[in-house]
Protein backbone atom coordinates (compact mmCIF):
# COMPACT_ATOMS: atom_id res chain seq x y z
CA MET A 1 5.08 4.38 -16.89
CA SER A 2 6.90 4.98 -20.16
CA THR A 3 10.63 5.67 -20.33
CA HIS A 4 9.83 9.12 -21.73
CA SER A 5 7.54 9.94 -18.77
CA ARG A 6 10.10 8.66 -16.26
CA ALA A 7 12.89 10.76 -17.85
CA HIS A 8 10.58 13.78 -17.82
CA GLY A 9 9.85 13.20 -14.12
CA ILE A 10 13.54 12.91 -13.26
CA LEU A 11 14.32 16.07 -15.20
CA LEU A 12 11.51 17.95 -13.43
CA PHE A 13 12.76 16.70 -10.04
CA ALA A 14 16.31 17.87 -10.86
CA ILE A 15 15.05 21.33 -11.90
CA VAL A 16 13.05 21.69 -8.67
CA MET A 17 16.06 20.64 -6.57
CA LEU A 18 18.37 23.11 -8.38
CA ALA A 19 15.83 25.90 -7.91
CA ALA A 20 15.57 25.16 -4.16
CA ALA A 21 19.35 25.11 -3.82
CA SER A 22 19.60 28.43 -5.69
CA VAL A 23 17.04 30.06 -3.41
CA ALA A 24 18.90 28.80 -0.32
CA LEU A 25 22.22 30.11 -1.69
CA VAL A 26 20.81 33.54 -2.48
CA ALA A 27 19.12 33.74 0.94
CA GLY A 28 22.45 32.91 2.58
CA LEU A 29 24.33 35.56 0.58
CA VAL A 30 21.75 38.28 1.12
CA GLY A 31 21.04 37.49 4.76
CA GLY A 32 24.57 36.61 5.75
CA PHE A 33 25.76 33.45 7.40
CA ASP A 34 24.09 33.97 10.75
CA ARG A 35 24.65 30.71 12.62
CA HIS A 36 22.50 31.93 15.49
CA GLY A 37 19.36 32.76 13.48
CA PRO A 38 17.83 36.10 12.48
CA ALA A 39 16.66 36.89 16.02
CA ALA A 40 20.23 36.77 17.36
CA LEU A 41 21.49 39.25 14.75
CA THR A 42 18.49 41.54 15.26
CA SER A 43 19.04 41.60 19.03
CA CYS A 44 22.73 42.37 18.54
CA GLN A 45 22.40 46.17 18.24
CA PRO A 46 24.00 49.17 19.94
CA LEU A 47 21.93 50.39 22.88
CA HIS A 48 22.59 54.06 22.15
CA GLU A 49 23.24 55.06 18.56
CA ALA A 50 24.43 58.47 17.43
CA THR A 51 22.03 60.54 15.32
CA GLN A 52 24.08 59.50 12.26
CA VAL A 53 24.32 55.75 11.69
CA VAL A 54 26.37 54.07 9.00
CA GLN A 55 25.61 50.41 8.23
CA VAL A 56 28.82 48.63 7.19
CA GLY A 57 28.90 45.23 5.51
CA LEU A 58 31.99 43.01 5.66
CA TYR A 59 32.21 40.44 2.86
CA ASP A 60 34.59 37.71 1.67
CA GLY A 61 34.61 35.04 -0.95
CA GLY A 62 35.89 32.57 1.63
CA ALA A 63 39.13 30.67 1.35
CA MET A 64 39.83 27.25 -0.03
CA MET A 65 42.10 25.01 2.04
CA GLY A 66 45.34 26.94 2.60
CA GLN A 67 44.59 29.66 0.04
CA SER A 68 44.30 33.35 0.85
CA PRO A 69 40.82 34.86 0.99
CA THR A 70 39.44 36.44 -2.17
CA MET A 71 36.90 39.14 -2.88
CA LEU A 72 37.35 40.91 0.46
CA ARG A 73 35.13 43.98 0.72
CA ILE A 74 33.94 46.66 3.12
CA ILE A 75 30.81 48.47 2.01
CA PRO A 76 29.59 51.46 4.09
CA SER A 77 26.08 52.83 3.58
CA PRO A 78 26.01 55.74 3.27
CA SER A 79 29.59 56.34 2.08
CA GLY A 80 29.71 59.78 3.69
CA ILE A 81 28.13 61.89 6.43
CA SER A 82 28.24 65.36 7.99
CA ALA A 83 30.90 66.11 10.62
CA GLY A 84 29.88 65.05 14.13
CA GLN A 85 29.03 61.92 16.03
CA VAL A 86 28.45 58.70 14.07
CA THR A 87 27.78 55.09 15.00
CA PHE A 88 29.20 52.50 12.61
CA VAL A 89 27.11 49.31 12.87
CA VAL A 90 29.27 46.61 11.29
CA THR A 91 27.83 43.26 10.14
CA ASN A 92 30.00 40.35 9.01
CA TYR A 93 28.24 38.75 6.04
CA GLY A 94 31.34 36.71 5.20
CA GLN A 95 32.58 33.33 6.31
CA LEU A 96 35.84 34.57 7.85
CA ASN A 97 36.39 36.65 11.00
CA HIS A 98 36.88 40.36 10.31
CA GLU A 99 37.69 43.65 12.08
CA PHE A 100 36.62 47.20 11.35
CA LEU A 101 38.93 50.20 11.89
CA VAL A 102 38.62 53.89 11.03
CA LEU A 103 41.83 55.77 10.21
CA PRO A 104 42.63 59.09 8.50
CA MET A 105 43.17 58.59 4.77
CA PRO A 106 46.90 58.12 4.07
CA ALA A 107 48.62 60.84 1.99
CA ASP A 108 49.20 58.33 -0.84
CA GLY A 109 45.53 57.33 -0.95
CA LEU A 110 43.33 54.33 -0.35
CA GLY A 111 45.05 50.99 0.19
CA THR A 112 48.60 52.35 0.41
CA ARG A 113 49.50 51.66 4.05
CA PRO A 114 52.62 49.53 4.57
CA VAL A 115 51.85 45.93 5.51
CA ALA A 116 54.27 44.22 7.91
CA GLY A 117 55.56 40.67 7.60
CA ASN A 118 52.71 39.49 9.86
CA GLY A 119 50.14 40.77 7.31
CA LYS A 120 48.98 43.67 9.49
CA ILE A 121 49.31 47.46 9.34
CA ASP A 122 50.42 49.88 12.07
CA GLU A 123 47.16 50.72 13.91
CA ALA A 124 48.65 53.66 15.87
CA GLN A 125 46.51 56.20 13.96
CA SER A 126 43.25 54.28 14.50
CA LEU A 127 40.40 56.53 15.59
CA GLY A 128 38.20 53.63 16.58
CA GLU A 129 37.60 49.92 16.14
CA ALA A 130 34.69 47.49 16.08
CA SER A 131 35.89 43.91 16.39
CA THR A 132 33.83 42.25 19.12
CA SER A 133 31.15 39.75 18.13
CA CYS A 134 27.84 41.21 19.27
CA GLY A 135 29.48 44.04 21.21
CA ALA A 136 31.11 47.44 20.99
CA GLY A 137 34.76 48.29 20.43
CA PRO A 138 37.94 46.22 20.09
CA GLY A 139 38.01 42.46 20.51
CA ASP A 140 39.09 39.21 18.87
CA GLY A 141 37.21 39.77 15.61
CA ILE A 142 33.64 39.80 14.37
CA SER A 143 32.58 36.23 13.69
CA SER A 144 30.58 35.20 10.65
CA GLY A 145 26.95 36.31 10.97
CA SER A 146 27.64 38.64 13.89
CA ARG A 147 27.72 42.39 14.40
CA SER A 148 29.86 44.97 16.21
CA TRP A 149 29.74 48.74 16.51
CA VAL A 150 31.71 51.81 17.44
CA THR A 151 30.60 55.44 18.02
CA LEU A 152 33.04 58.20 17.05
CA THR A 153 33.10 61.95 16.58
CA LEU A 154 34.62 62.69 13.18
CA GLY A 155 35.67 66.03 11.71
CA SER A 156 35.59 66.94 8.04
CA GLY A 157 37.95 64.88 5.91
CA THR A 158 38.43 61.58 4.15
CA TYR A 159 38.90 58.39 6.14
CA GLU A 160 39.97 54.86 5.35
CA LEU A 161 37.77 52.05 6.67
CA LEU A 162 39.62 48.75 6.80
CA CYS A 163 39.97 45.25 8.19
CA ASP A 164 43.31 44.45 9.85
CA ILE A 165 42.95 40.69 10.21
CA PRO A 166 46.29 39.44 8.76
CA TRP A 167 46.46 39.93 5.01
CA HIS A 168 42.89 41.24 4.65
CA TYR A 169 44.01 44.87 4.11
CA ALA A 170 46.79 43.73 1.76
CA ASN A 171 44.13 41.87 -0.26
CA GLY A 172 41.98 44.99 -0.69
CA MET A 173 39.66 45.04 2.31
CA GLU A 174 39.38 48.83 2.58
CA ALA A 175 36.94 51.59 1.65
CA SER A 176 36.98 55.37 1.44
CA PHE A 177 34.62 57.35 3.70
CA THR A 178 33.97 61.10 3.45
CA VAL A 179 32.93 63.47 6.24
CA SER A 180 31.86 66.95 5.14
């Protein structure tokens, strides 16, 4: 085998390996980081959903050793509904634990709640929370690749959806939600 053929073979092998790694990375980002497999996430659903269901994705860019998390996001779909009963089905596509809370929009607007020294907000106005891995309501956080849910009755208005794991809200993990 010539040196040129061998170099061509090595280059082709490297391209195939990079392509396979890229496909695996995209599949992980699109499908989340479900450590328990797709069947576990599929079986982790509310038993009784409201007629209006909002799918909420929780995302993070991860954190490097000792650094704060970056690219924290909450994305509801749809971003608004009609007044009445709604089930928020919340899936953690990130690598970090997250929570999901629904609060009335503060008078100063999205992301303006005071953050205490412990990195958390005052949750006294919370209308509901989903923070149990594969369960409904409050808990110790939604683990990576898991799902939680909460069913609420919401009147017309604007709401703030947020994560209150320490420093997540302060780093922009909030979204606006409209009920008409």
